[in-house]
Amino acid sequence: MQRRTKIVATLGPATDDIAVLTEMVRAGLDVARINFSHGAQGEHLRRIELVREAAQRAGKIVGILADLGGPKIRIEGFRDGPIQLAEGAPFALDPRLAPDAGTQGEVGIAYANLHKDVKAGDTLLLADGQIVLDVVAVEGPRVATKVRVGGPLSNRKGLNRQGGGISAPALSDKDHDDIRFAAANGIDYVAVSFARNAGDIREARERLRAVGGAGRIVAKIERHESIQNLPSILDETDVVMVARGDLGVEMGYAEVTGLQKTILHQARNKFRVAITATQMMESMIQNPVPTRAEVSDVANAVMDGTDAVMLSAESAVGRYPVKAVEAMSQVIQGAEKYQLSHSRARHRSEGHFGRNDEAIAMAVMYTANHMRVRAIVALTESGSTPLWMSRIRSDIPIYAFTRHAVTSRRVTLYRGVYPVQYDVTQPGTRQVDASIFARLLELRLVEPGDHVIVTSGPLSGVAGGTNAMQILKVTQG
């Protein structure tokens, strides 16, 4: 059985060896994530080149996701190294302090407008919620707090306001420059960090298109506001990422599991792609096997219908990046065995189709789930028809036959869709059918006598024109 749920893995120092990265691709890496919060563009470029070389060596198509840094609110540094905050102690956040002037009682903050977004009585969270501060007073740009929950605090830790409400724009000046870099290097997906609303996603897409980028947009759901605005964000974005780290800090960790299920359900209903991320196999930063709790976490995301699951520090800086990909692949396959009884899900039983390719996709999946079909072949230019198909749970593989490298890489994120390089502009129906069969047989995806469903348009090579489906019997020669 082919693994349908895809694996996104973050690149970092642990993956900078081409041999390691190639083994990760062979182990099941589908999309490589480059975190623009760390490192310079020269470093990102080297990793882009490494991904493409590793994919070529492994004989596999791999997508690339660029994750913009966004307005991550961070404290500055301490003069004498990390400090220990005690419960009840006063502690101030002041943007006027030098970046390395922090002391036991105060520290600088990289966000000059924090004082405009908070008031006495608010709760601030540092270091992923490990330290809790109660705002006592706002004195000009200085925010005075009292430590409710103490602990060790070091340089550049992140800060959140419980309940959201930080007004920093989703795209910083650095993000604008990184978008230009992503466009120039043919990045397949661009993730918008700390997106608040549909306007943030729209702005990112417009900026990417203005500089010639064709990548799809990922909305990272990690703010209180993004939950409130989820329906409109889903209308605007191509992909959502359930970024459980900051989301858990802002919303409370007890809410994360329910929110994850809600986001995945709504994304599928809106025909959007979804990635589940953050600490999925965190213990594998140091250990060669995941914990049972981590196995359950990944499996539940798969059974909830996520398109992809993501490795972060496990692959970027962990000791076992290849083993992490292998373990995640095994867990996915184990979980998918228990989904087969749900593969014939009811879908779009009410309402009207808005597009021809959507209607064809729904007809194909209904047919495929009710007869013996070995595979589905979508002759596609943009990848939209296999995307529609992939929104319905099924154990039948969907092969996106396309001549475009960018489309091949794009569909690597779609659940149950596999790219196949193929020139759909060949003339003559019989010739096309024979060449499709030859390609499927060459890749050992079917056997003679199997039935396949093929979707296509009247004009080969024209995007958005899918309007026909055929049920064909595979012949050889």
Protein backbone atom coordinates (compact mmCIF):
# COMPACT_ATOMS: atom_id res chain seq x y z
CA MET A 1 0.00 0.00 0.00
CA GLN A 2 1.38 3.42 -0.94
CA ARG A 3 1.63 6.02 1.79
CA ARG A 4 -0.93 8.72 1.06
CA THR A 5 -0.18 11.30 3.76
CA LYS A 6 2.88 13.38 2.89
CA ILE A 7 5.94 14.22 4.98
CA VAL A 8 7.35 17.74 5.32
CA ALA A 9 10.78 17.96 6.94
CA THR A 10 12.67 21.07 8.00
CA LEU A 11 16.22 21.51 6.76
CA GLY A 12 19.06 22.62 9.00
CA PRO A 13 22.61 21.77 10.05
CA ALA A 14 21.69 18.10 10.46
CA THR A 15 20.64 17.84 6.79
CA ASP A 16 23.49 19.78 5.17
CA ASP A 17 25.29 16.57 4.16
CA ILE A 18 24.05 15.59 0.69
CA ALA A 19 24.26 11.90 1.62
CA VAL A 20 21.99 12.45 4.64
CA LEU A 21 19.48 14.50 2.67
CA THR A 22 19.40 11.95 -0.14
CA GLU A 23 18.65 9.19 2.38
CA MET A 24 15.86 11.34 3.82
CA VAL A 25 14.32 11.64 0.35
CA ARG A 26 14.61 7.90 -0.16
CA ALA A 27 13.05 7.34 3.28
CA GLY A 28 9.96 9.33 2.31
CA LEU A 29 10.59 13.09 2.41
CA ASP A 30 8.04 14.75 0.10
CA VAL A 31 8.44 18.47 0.82
CA ALA A 32 11.51 20.21 2.28
CA ARG A 33 10.85 23.18 4.58
CA ILE A 34 13.36 26.00 4.79
CA ASN A 35 12.87 28.16 7.88
CA PHE A 36 13.64 31.78 6.97
CA SER A 37 13.65 32.73 10.66
CA HIS A 38 17.20 31.39 10.85
CA GLY A 39 20.16 31.93 8.56
CA ALA A 40 20.94 34.20 5.62
CA GLN A 41 19.78 33.90 2.03
CA GLY A 42 23.10 32.41 0.94
CA GLU A 43 22.52 29.55 3.36
CA HIS A 44 18.96 29.10 2.10
CA LEU A 45 20.19 28.98 -1.49
CA ARG A 46 22.69 26.24 -0.67
CA ARG A 47 19.90 24.19 0.88
CA ILE A 48 17.61 24.71 -2.11
CA GLU A 49 20.39 23.41 -4.35
CA LEU A 50 20.98 20.46 -1.99
CA VAL A 51 17.28 19.50 -2.09
CA ARG A 52 17.24 19.49 -5.87
CA GLU A 53 20.44 17.45 -6.06
CA ALA A 54 19.18 14.97 -3.46
CA ALA A 55 15.88 14.58 -5.33
CA GLN A 56 17.76 13.90 -8.56
CA ARG A 57 20.00 11.34 -6.87
CA ALA A 58 17.01 9.59 -5.32
CA GLY A 59 14.98 9.72 -8.53
CA LYS A 60 12.11 11.47 -6.79
CA ILE A 61 10.22 14.77 -7.10
CA VAL A 62 10.46 16.92 -3.95
CA GLY A 63 8.68 20.21 -3.26
CA ILE A 64 10.16 23.14 -1.33
CA LEU A 65 8.33 25.25 1.27
CA ALA A 66 9.81 28.58 2.38
CA ASP A 67 8.58 29.56 5.84
CA LEU A 68 8.74 33.34 6.33
CA GLY A 69 9.92 34.59 9.71
CA GLY A 70 6.99 36.93 10.22
CA PRO A 71 6.52 39.20 13.25
CA LYS A 72 7.77 36.81 15.90
CA ILE A 73 7.96 39.01 18.99
CA ARG A 74 11.21 38.35 20.86
CA ILE A 75 13.03 39.76 23.81
CA GLU A 76 16.62 40.92 23.30
CA GLY A 77 19.72 39.62 25.13
CA PHE A 78 21.20 39.62 28.63
CA ARG A 79 24.46 41.27 29.65
CA ASP A 80 25.76 38.39 31.76
CA GLY A 81 24.09 35.39 30.17
CA PRO A 82 20.83 33.59 31.04
CA ILE A 83 18.90 34.63 34.15
CA GLN A 84 16.55 32.88 36.55
CA LEU A 85 13.19 34.59 37.13
CA ALA A 86 11.62 33.97 40.52
CA GLU A 87 7.89 33.96 41.24
CA GLY A 88 6.71 37.38 42.43
CA ALA A 89 9.78 39.24 41.14
CA PRO A 90 9.38 42.47 39.13
CA PHE A 91 10.51 42.29 35.51
CA ALA A 92 10.26 44.94 32.78
CA LEU A 93 10.27 44.87 28.98
CA ASP A 94 11.71 48.04 27.45
CA PRO A 95 12.45 48.61 23.72
CA ARG A 96 14.82 51.47 24.62
CA LEU A 97 17.36 49.09 26.15
CA ALA A 98 20.38 48.03 24.11
CA PRO A 99 20.13 44.53 22.58
CA ASP A 100 22.66 43.09 25.05
CA ALA A 101 21.79 45.15 28.15
CA GLY A 102 19.32 42.80 29.85
CA THR A 103 19.60 42.21 33.60
CA GLN A 104 17.77 40.31 36.32
CA GLY A 105 15.12 43.03 36.38
CA GLU A 106 14.66 44.09 32.77
CA VAL A 107 15.37 43.26 29.16
CA GLY A 108 15.00 44.90 25.79
CA ILE A 109 12.31 43.87 23.34
CA ALA A 110 12.57 43.85 19.56
CA TYR A 111 8.98 45.07 19.11
CA ALA A 112 8.75 48.80 19.80
CA ASN A 113 4.93 48.91 19.93
CA LEU A 114 4.35 46.32 22.64
CA HIS A 115 3.18 49.05 25.03
CA LYS A 116 0.39 49.94 22.58
CA ASP A 117 -0.94 46.38 22.53
CA VAL A 118 -1.04 45.58 26.25
CA LYS A 119 -2.50 47.04 29.43
CA ALA A 120 -2.39 46.37 33.15
CA GLY A 121 -3.98 43.00 33.92
CA ASP A 122 -2.85 41.33 30.69
CA THR A 123 -0.85 38.11 30.71
CA LEU A 124 2.38 37.77 28.73
CA LEU A 125 4.04 34.44 27.97
CA LEU A 126 7.76 33.93 27.36
CA ALA A 127 9.71 30.95 26.01
CA ASP A 128 6.72 29.05 24.60
CA GLY A 129 4.65 29.72 27.70
CA GLN A 130 7.16 28.38 30.21
CA ILE A 131 7.39 31.80 31.89
CA VAL A 132 4.22 33.76 32.74
CA LEU A 133 4.22 37.50 33.41
CA ASP A 134 1.36 39.66 34.68
CA VAL A 135 1.37 43.20 33.31
CA VAL A 136 1.35 45.63 36.23
CA ALA A 137 1.69 48.96 34.43
CA VAL A 138 2.52 50.52 31.08
CA GLU A 139 4.92 53.44 31.57
CA GLY A 140 5.51 55.02 28.18
CA PRO A 141 7.21 52.35 26.04
CA ARG A 142 8.20 50.37 29.16
CA VAL A 143 5.98 47.47 30.22
CA ALA A 144 6.28 46.62 33.91
CA THR A 145 5.32 43.09 34.93
CA LYS A 146 5.31 40.72 37.89
CA VAL A 147 6.49 37.13 37.46
CA ARG A 148 3.67 34.65 38.01
CA VAL A 149 5.56 31.55 36.84
CA GLY A 150 9.34 31.80 36.84
CA GLY A 151 12.18 29.83 35.34
CA PRO A 152 15.36 30.17 33.27
CA LEU A 153 15.32 32.83 30.56
CA SER A 154 17.93 33.31 27.84
CA ASN A 155 18.45 35.56 24.82
CA ARG A 156 15.92 36.05 22.02
CA LYS A 157 13.07 34.02 23.47
CA GLY A 158 9.64 34.55 21.96
CA LEU A 159 6.84 36.52 23.60
CA ASN A 160 3.06 36.13 23.23
CA ARG A 161 0.07 37.90 24.71
CA GLN A 162 -2.41 35.39 26.07
CA GLY A 163 -5.56 35.70 24.01
CA GLY A 164 -3.74 37.36 21.10
CA GLY A 165 -3.98 41.01 20.21
CA ILE A 166 -0.44 41.83 19.07
CA SER A 167 -0.89 44.28 16.19
CA ALA A 168 2.42 43.72 14.37
CA PRO A 169 1.80 43.21 10.62
CA ALA A 170 2.17 39.67 9.30
CA LEU A 171 4.82 40.67 6.74
CA SER A 172 7.97 42.46 7.87
CA ASP A 173 10.49 44.25 5.64
CA LYS A 174 12.66 41.13 5.84
CA ASP A 175 9.70 39.03 4.70
CA HIS A 176 9.29 41.26 1.63
CA ASP A 177 12.92 40.61 0.72
CA ASP A 178 12.53 36.88 1.39
CA ILE A 179 9.48 36.77 -0.88
CA ARG A 180 11.60 38.19 -3.71
CA PHE A 181 14.23 35.55 -2.97
CA ALA A 182 11.59 32.78 -2.99
CA ALA A 183 10.24 33.96 -6.34
CA ALA A 184 13.69 34.16 -7.90
CA ASN A 185 14.47 30.59 -6.85
CA GLY A 186 11.23 28.90 -7.89
CA ILE A 187 9.96 28.05 -4.40
CA ASP A 188 6.78 25.96 -4.52
CA TYR A 189 5.10 27.11 -1.28
CA VAL A 190 5.51 30.27 0.80
CA ALA A 191 4.24 30.15 4.39
CA VAL A 192 2.96 33.31 6.10
CA SER A 193 3.78 33.22 9.81
CA PHE A 194 1.39 34.70 12.38
CA ALA A 195 -1.28 35.47 9.79
CA ARG A 196 -4.18 37.32 11.38
CA ASN A 197 -6.75 37.51 8.59
CA ALA A 198 -7.45 37.00 4.90
CA GLY A 199 -5.84 40.35 4.09
CA ASP A 200 -2.46 39.08 5.29
CA ILE A 201 -2.71 36.13 2.92
CA ARG A 202 -3.87 38.33 0.06
CA GLU A 203 -0.96 40.71 0.58
CA ALA A 204 1.56 37.85 0.56
CA ARG A 205 0.12 36.44 -2.67
CA GLU A 206 0.08 39.84 -4.37
CA ARG A 207 3.68 40.53 -3.39
CA LEU A 208 4.79 37.09 -4.57
CA ARG A 209 3.03 37.47 -7.92
CA ALA A 210 4.36 41.02 -8.37
CA VAL A 211 7.94 39.71 -8.30
CA GLY A 212 7.21 36.78 -10.63
CA GLY A 213 6.62 34.01 -8.09
CA ALA A 214 4.22 31.19 -8.92
CA GLY A 215 4.30 29.47 -5.52
CA ARG A 216 1.20 28.67 -3.51
CA ILE A 217 0.49 30.38 -0.18
CA VAL A 218 0.41 28.64 3.20
CA ALA A 219 -1.42 30.33 6.09
CA LYS A 220 0.10 29.36 9.43
CA ILE A 221 -2.65 29.21 12.01
CA GLU A 222 -0.92 30.21 15.23
CA ARG A 223 -2.66 33.36 16.46
CA HIS A 224 -5.86 33.87 18.40
CA GLU A 225 -7.04 36.15 15.59
CA SER A 226 -6.41 33.48 12.94
CA ILE A 227 -8.84 31.16 14.70
CA GLN A 228 -11.49 33.90 14.79
CA ASN A 229 -10.93 34.59 11.08
CA LEU A 230 -10.41 30.98 9.96
CA PRO A 231 -13.31 30.84 7.43
CA SER A 232 -12.12 33.93 5.52
CA ILE A 233 -8.49 32.81 5.70
CA LEU A 234 -9.49 29.47 4.17
CA ASP A 235 -11.27 31.32 1.37
CA GLU A 236 -8.05 33.16 0.52
CA THR A 237 -5.24 30.67 1.13
CA ASP A 238 -4.13 27.53 -0.72
CA VAL A 239 -2.84 25.66 2.33
CA VAL A 240 -3.17 25.93 6.10
CA MET A 241 -0.59 24.83 8.62
CA VAL A 242 -1.73 23.93 12.13
CA ALA A 243 1.25 25.54 13.89
CA ARG A 244 0.60 24.11 17.32
CA GLY A 245 3.47 25.79 19.19
CA ASP A 246 2.43 29.44 19.25
CA LEU A 247 -1.22 28.46 18.82
CA GLY A 248 -1.01 26.53 22.08
CA VAL A 249 0.65 29.45 23.82
CA GLU A 250 -1.98 31.98 22.72
CA MET A 251 -5.05 29.76 23.03
CA GLY A 252 -3.98 27.45 25.86
CA TYR A 253 -2.60 23.96 25.38
CA ALA A 254 -5.86 22.30 26.42
CA GLU A 255 -7.50 23.78 23.31
CA VAL A 256 -4.95 22.60 20.75
CA THR A 257 -6.30 19.10 20.02
CA GLY A 258 -9.84 20.33 19.44
CA LEU A 259 -8.61 23.26 17.36
CA GLN A 260 -6.48 20.93 15.24
CA LYS A 261 -9.48 18.75 14.42
CA THR A 262 -11.60 21.82 13.66
CA ILE A 263 -8.99 23.35 11.34
CA LEU A 264 -8.45 20.08 9.45
CA HIS A 265 -12.19 19.53 9.05
CA GLN A 266 -12.85 23.05 7.81
CA ALA A 267 -9.87 22.95 5.46
CA ARG A 268 -11.12 19.78 3.81
CA ASN A 269 -14.62 21.21 3.47
CA LYS A 270 -13.13 24.25 1.71
CA PHE A 271 -10.98 22.01 -0.54
CA ARG A 272 -7.78 23.35 1.03
CA VAL A 273 -4.58 21.46 1.78
CA ALA A 274 -3.58 21.08 5.45
CA ILE A 275 -0.27 20.48 7.24
CA THR A 276 -0.06 19.47 10.90
CA ALA A 277 3.13 20.70 12.56
CA THR A 278 5.16 21.21 15.75
CA GLN A 279 6.68 18.66 18.14
CA MET A 280 5.26 15.67 16.32
CA MET A 281 8.30 13.53 17.12
CA GLU A 282 10.18 15.91 19.40
CA SER A 283 11.95 13.18 21.37
CA MET A 284 13.74 12.08 18.19
CA ILE A 285 15.94 15.16 18.42
CA GLN A 286 17.94 13.01 20.82
CA ASN A 287 16.50 9.49 20.54
CA PRO A 288 16.42 7.02 17.61
CA VAL A 289 12.76 6.04 18.18
CA PRO A 290 9.63 8.09 18.96
CA THR A 291 7.59 7.83 22.12
CA ARG A 292 4.24 6.05 22.06
CA ALA A 293 2.54 9.39 22.66
CA GLU A 294 4.24 10.83 19.57
CA VAL A 295 3.17 7.83 17.52
CA SER A 296 -0.42 8.44 18.60
CA ASP A 297 -0.11 12.16 17.81
CA VAL A 298 1.02 11.54 14.23
CA ALA A 299 -1.50 8.75 13.72
CA ASN A 300 -4.40 10.86 14.96
CA ALA A 301 -3.48 13.71 12.62
CA VAL A 302 -3.45 11.22 9.73
CA MET A 303 -6.81 9.79 10.73
CA ASP A 304 -8.21 13.32 11.09
CA GLY A 305 -7.46 13.82 7.38
CA THR A 306 -4.33 15.99 7.32
CA ASP A 307 -2.55 16.12 3.97
CA ALA A 308 0.89 16.24 5.54
CA VAL A 309 2.68 15.95 8.86
CA MET A 310 5.82 17.94 9.58
CA LEU A 311 9.17 17.45 11.27
CA SER A 312 10.84 20.58 12.67
CA ALA A 313 13.85 20.39 14.99
CA GLU A 314 13.76 16.59 14.69
CA SER A 315 15.19 16.85 11.19
CA ALA A 316 16.82 20.31 11.26
CA VAL A 317 19.10 19.83 14.26
CA GLY A 318 18.32 16.33 15.52
CA ARG A 319 20.73 13.43 15.78
CA TYR A 320 18.58 11.11 13.65
CA PRO A 321 17.01 13.00 10.71
CA VAL A 322 16.78 9.94 8.46
CA LYS A 323 15.33 7.76 11.21
CA ALA A 324 12.79 10.49 11.99
CA VAL A 325 11.50 10.42 8.41
CA GLU A 326 11.47 6.62 8.41
CA ALA A 327 9.57 6.50 11.71
CA MET A 328 7.02 9.05 10.54
CA SER A 329 6.46 7.12 7.31
CA GLN A 330 5.89 3.87 9.22
CA VAL A 331 3.41 5.51 11.60
CA ILE A 332 1.50 7.05 8.69
CA GLN A 333 1.20 3.71 6.93
CA GLY A 334 0.04 2.06 10.15
CA ALA A 335 -2.63 4.71 10.67
CA GLU A 336 -3.85 4.62 7.08
CA LYS A 337 -4.65 0.91 7.34
CA TYR A 338 -7.38 1.81 9.79
CA GLN A 339 -8.84 4.50 7.56
CA LEU A 340 -9.82 2.22 4.71
CA SER A 341 -13.27 1.55 6.16
CA HIS A 342 -13.89 5.31 5.95
CA SER A 343 -12.63 5.73 2.40
CA ARG A 344 -16.10 5.99 0.87
CA ALA A 345 -16.93 9.16 2.75
CA ARG A 346 -20.00 11.17 1.80
CA HIS A 347 -18.84 14.32 0.10
CA ARG A 348 -20.67 17.23 -1.49
CA SER A 349 -24.01 15.41 -1.35
CA GLU A 350 -25.67 18.82 -1.37
CA GLY A 351 -25.11 22.08 -3.25
CA HIS A 352 -23.75 22.75 -6.73
CA PHE A 353 -20.34 22.42 -8.31
CA GLY A 354 -18.69 25.68 -9.23
CA ARG A 355 -16.25 24.35 -11.82
CA ASN A 356 -16.09 21.64 -14.47
CA ASP A 357 -12.94 20.09 -13.05
CA GLU A 358 -14.54 19.90 -9.60
CA ALA A 359 -17.57 18.09 -11.03
CA ILE A 360 -15.34 15.66 -12.96
CA ALA A 361 -13.21 15.05 -9.87
CA MET A 362 -16.24 14.21 -7.75
CA ALA A 363 -17.62 11.88 -10.43
CA VAL A 364 -14.26 10.14 -10.72
CA MET A 365 -13.91 9.54 -7.00
CA TYR A 366 -17.47 8.28 -6.64
CA THR A 367 -16.88 5.86 -9.51
CA ALA A 368 -13.46 4.77 -8.24
CA ASN A 369 -14.81 4.07 -4.77
CA HIS A 370 -17.62 1.90 -6.14
CA MET A 371 -15.82 -0.28 -8.68
CA ARG A 372 -12.53 -2.13 -9.02
CA VAL A 373 -10.13 0.54 -10.22
CA ARG A 374 -6.39 0.18 -9.77
CA ALA A 375 -5.43 3.81 -10.34
CA ILE A 376 -6.63 7.27 -11.34
CA VAL A 377 -4.69 9.25 -13.93
CA ALA A 378 -5.24 13.00 -14.19
CA LEU A 379 -3.73 14.63 -17.26
CA THR A 380 -3.11 18.02 -15.71
CA GLU A 381 -1.44 21.35 -16.36
CA SER A 382 -1.94 23.15 -13.05
CA GLY A 383 -2.73 20.26 -10.69
CA SER A 384 -6.22 21.52 -9.83
CA THR A 385 -8.12 18.35 -10.83
CA PRO A 386 -5.99 15.98 -8.69
CA LEU A 387 -6.34 18.49 -5.85
CA TRP A 388 -10.14 18.23 -6.03
CA MET A 389 -9.88 14.44 -6.13
CA SER A 390 -7.56 14.30 -3.15
CA ARG A 391 -10.14 15.99 -0.92
CA ILE A 392 -12.09 12.72 -0.82
CA ARG A 393 -10.69 9.91 1.28
CA SER A 394 -9.76 6.94 -0.83
CA ASP A 395 -7.09 4.26 -0.94
CA ILE A 396 -6.90 4.51 -4.75
CA PRO A 397 -3.75 6.33 -5.88
CA ILE A 398 -4.12 9.47 -7.99
CA TYR A 399 -1.32 10.02 -10.51
CA ALA A 400 -0.87 13.59 -11.71
CA PHE A 401 0.51 13.21 -15.24
CA THR A 402 2.04 16.58 -16.15
CA ARG A 403 4.73 18.06 -18.35
CA HIS A 404 5.41 20.93 -15.92
CA ALA A 405 8.08 20.58 -13.25
CA VAL A 406 6.36 23.22 -11.11
CA THR A 407 3.09 21.24 -11.12
CA SER A 408 4.94 18.03 -10.30
CA ARG A 409 6.49 19.65 -7.25
CA ARG A 410 3.23 21.31 -6.22
CA VAL A 411 1.26 18.06 -5.97
CA THR A 412 3.87 16.49 -3.67
CA LEU A 413 1.89 18.08 -0.81
CA TYR A 414 -1.52 16.68 -1.84
CA ARG A 415 -2.68 13.64 0.06
CA GLY A 416 -2.84 10.54 -2.11
CA VAL A 417 -1.49 12.31 -5.22
CA TYR A 418 1.76 11.27 -6.90
CA PRO A 419 3.48 13.23 -9.68
CA VAL A 420 4.42 11.54 -12.94
CA GLN A 421 6.35 13.44 -15.59
CA TYR A 422 4.47 13.14 -18.88
CA ASP A 423 3.86 15.36 -21.90
CA VAL A 424 0.08 15.63 -22.32
CA THR A 425 0.33 17.47 -25.66
CA GLN A 426 0.78 14.32 -27.74
CA PRO A 427 -1.77 14.18 -30.59
CA GLY A 428 -4.32 11.42 -31.06
CA THR A 429 -6.49 9.73 -28.43
CA ARG A 430 -5.29 6.19 -29.12
CA GLN A 431 -1.67 7.29 -28.99
CA VAL A 432 -2.22 9.06 -25.69
CA ASP A 433 -3.98 6.06 -24.15
CA ALA A 434 -1.18 3.73 -25.25
CA SER A 435 1.51 6.06 -23.92
CA ILE A 436 -0.30 6.40 -20.58
CA PHE A 437 -0.44 2.62 -20.26
CA ALA A 438 3.23 2.36 -21.21
CA ARG A 439 4.22 4.91 -18.56
CA LEU A 440 2.15 3.20 -15.85
CA LEU A 441 3.59 -0.20 -16.73
CA GLU A 442 7.12 1.21 -16.89
CA LEU A 443 6.75 2.52 -13.33
CA ARG A 444 5.12 -0.77 -12.21
CA LEU A 445 2.04 1.06 -10.99
CA VAL A 446 -0.45 -1.23 -12.75
CA GLU A 447 -0.59 -4.57 -14.53
CA PRO A 448 -2.15 -5.50 -17.88
CA GLY A 449 -5.89 -6.02 -17.45
CA ASP A 450 -6.25 -3.51 -14.61
CA HIS A 451 -8.87 -0.79 -14.93
CA VAL A 452 -7.87 2.85 -14.59
CA ILE A 453 -9.80 6.11 -14.77
CA VAL A 454 -8.30 8.88 -16.89
CA THR A 455 -9.37 12.53 -16.78
CA SER A 456 -8.51 15.06 -19.45
CA GLY A 457 -9.66 18.16 -21.30
CA PRO A 458 -10.59 18.72 -24.95
CA LEU A 459 -7.46 20.78 -25.57
CA SER A 460 -4.26 19.15 -24.40
CA GLY A 461 -1.95 21.54 -22.63
CA VAL A 462 -4.63 24.05 -21.57
CA ALA A 463 -4.91 24.68 -17.81
CA GLY A 464 -8.33 24.41 -16.15
CA GLY A 465 -9.98 22.55 -19.02
CA THR A 466 -10.62 19.10 -17.52
CA ASN A 467 -14.13 18.05 -18.53
CA ALA A 468 -14.00 14.34 -19.35
CA MET A 469 -13.35 11.00 -17.68
CA GLN A 470 -12.78 7.55 -19.19
CA ILE A 471 -12.67 4.08 -17.68
CA LEU A 472 -9.97 2.17 -19.52
CA LYS A 473 -8.52 -1.32 -19.39
CA VAL A 474 -4.74 -1.40 -19.37
CA THR A 475 -3.22 -3.09 -22.41
CA GLN A 476 0.40 -3.79 -23.20
CA GLY A 477 2.18 -3.07 -26.45
